[in-house]
Amino acid sequence: MATADQIKALVKSHLGDERERFFSVVLQIAAHEALQRHKAFAQELREIVDREKLKSRSRIIDFPVDLQGLFLSEEPSETLSMMVIPPLLKERLLRIIHEYR
């Protein structure tokens, strides 16, 4: 069972939109449950976190709910490695991609 501090941290991270902190606390709970020999539950928690992390990687930018109707985001059909561009421009694109992930 999760401790009171872990539950409070979950709620705070969820309400504060701190996605990585939320995942971290869930994984802490999974580790605690594994130590308590609740291995199936611990594995299920880890799988939930892994699935959510994979889903979030597939999105370009995660817009806040109130801004989602204002922007159109699409997955590119070409990869960066397919593009023939000068090295300086490629470096700038990589920096932009990294900043918005």
Protein backbone atom coordinates (compact mmCIF):
# COMPACT_ATOMS: atom_id res chain seq x y z
CA MET A 1 0.00 0.00 0.00
CA ALA A 2 1.27 3.47 -0.84
CA THR A 3 2.30 5.65 2.06
CA ALA A 4 0.43 8.83 2.89
CA ASP A 5 3.41 10.90 1.68
CA GLN A 6 3.42 9.07 -1.65
CA ILE A 7 -0.29 9.67 -2.13
CA LYS A 8 0.14 13.36 -1.34
CA ALA A 9 3.05 13.55 -3.80
CA LEU A 10 0.91 11.87 -6.48
CA VAL A 11 -1.91 14.33 -6.01
CA LYS A 12 0.41 17.36 -5.96
CA SER A 13 2.30 16.26 -9.07
CA HIS A 14 -0.94 15.52 -10.91
CA LEU A 15 -2.52 18.85 -10.01
CA GLY A 16 0.73 20.70 -10.70
CA ASP A 17 1.00 19.03 -14.12
CA GLU A 18 4.40 17.58 -13.19
CA ARG A 19 4.27 14.49 -15.39
CA GLU A 20 7.79 13.21 -14.70
CA ARG A 21 7.38 13.64 -10.93
CA PHE A 22 4.10 11.74 -11.13
CA PHE A 23 5.78 8.85 -12.96
CA SER A 24 8.62 8.87 -10.45
CA VAL A 25 6.25 8.51 -7.49
CA VAL A 26 4.29 5.73 -9.22
CA LEU A 27 7.56 3.84 -9.80
CA GLN A 28 8.49 4.35 -6.13
CA ILE A 29 5.17 2.79 -5.17
CA ALA A 30 5.83 -0.08 -7.60
CA ALA A 31 9.23 -0.69 -5.99
CA HIS A 32 7.67 -0.68 -2.52
CA GLU A 33 4.99 -3.12 -3.63
CA ALA A 34 7.62 -5.41 -5.16
CA LEU A 35 9.41 -5.49 -1.80
CA GLN A 36 6.10 -6.47 -0.19
CA ARG A 37 5.94 -9.39 -2.65
CA HIS A 38 3.06 -7.87 -4.58
CA LYS A 39 4.95 -8.52 -7.80
CA ALA A 40 1.97 -8.60 -10.18
CA PHE A 41 0.73 -5.22 -8.95
CA ALA A 42 4.22 -3.74 -9.10
CA GLN A 43 4.68 -4.99 -12.67
CA GLU A 44 1.29 -3.61 -13.68
CA LEU A 45 2.21 -0.16 -12.34
CA ARG A 46 5.52 -0.23 -14.26
CA GLU A 47 3.74 -1.23 -17.46
CA ILE A 48 1.23 1.60 -17.09
CA VAL A 49 4.06 4.13 -16.72
CA ASP A 50 5.95 2.64 -19.67
CA ARG A 51 2.87 2.79 -21.92
CA GLU A 52 2.18 6.41 -20.99
CA LYS A 53 5.80 7.40 -21.62
CA LEU A 54 5.66 5.77 -25.07
CA LYS A 55 2.42 7.57 -25.89
CA SER A 56 3.85 10.93 -24.86
CA ARG A 57 6.94 10.37 -27.03
CA SER A 58 4.75 9.89 -30.08
CA ARG A 59 3.18 13.33 -29.67
CA ILE A 60 5.01 16.32 -31.07
CA ILE A 61 4.13 18.87 -28.38
CA ASP A 62 1.75 18.33 -25.50
CA PHE A 63 -0.39 21.49 -25.48
CA PRO A 64 -2.34 22.54 -22.40
CA VAL A 65 -6.01 21.59 -22.62
CA ASP A 66 -7.19 25.19 -23.02
CA LEU A 67 -4.88 25.72 -26.07
CA GLN A 68 -5.47 22.44 -27.89
CA GLY A 69 -8.07 23.83 -30.30
CA LEU A 70 -5.81 26.68 -31.39
CA PHE A 71 -2.97 24.60 -32.83
CA LEU A 72 -2.71 21.90 -35.44
CA SER A 73 0.18 19.49 -34.93
CA GLU A 74 1.08 16.74 -37.35
CA GLU A 75 3.62 13.96 -37.41
CA PRO A 76 6.25 14.60 -40.08
CA SER A 77 6.40 12.15 -42.95
CA GLU A 78 10.18 12.55 -43.29
CA THR A 79 12.74 11.95 -40.58
CA LEU A 80 15.51 14.39 -39.79
CA SER A 81 18.08 11.93 -41.09
CA MET A 82 16.35 11.97 -44.51
CA MET A 83 16.77 15.73 -44.86
CA VAL A 84 19.69 17.20 -46.78
CA ILE A 85 20.41 20.45 -44.98
CA PRO A 86 23.49 22.42 -43.91
CA PRO A 87 24.98 21.27 -40.56
CA LEU A 88 24.25 24.62 -38.89
CA LEU A 89 20.54 24.40 -39.76
CA LYS A 90 20.41 20.78 -38.60
CA GLU A 91 21.94 21.80 -35.28
CA ARG A 92 19.31 24.54 -34.86
CA LEU A 93 16.48 22.10 -35.63
CA LEU A 94 17.82 19.58 -33.12
CA ARG A 95 17.99 22.29 -30.46
CA ILE A 96 14.37 23.33 -31.16
CA ILE A 97 13.18 19.72 -31.04
CA HIS A 98 15.04 19.11 -27.79
CA GLU A 99 13.66 22.27 -26.12
CA TYR A 100 10.04 21.38 -26.88
CA ARG A 101 10.14 17.72 -25.84
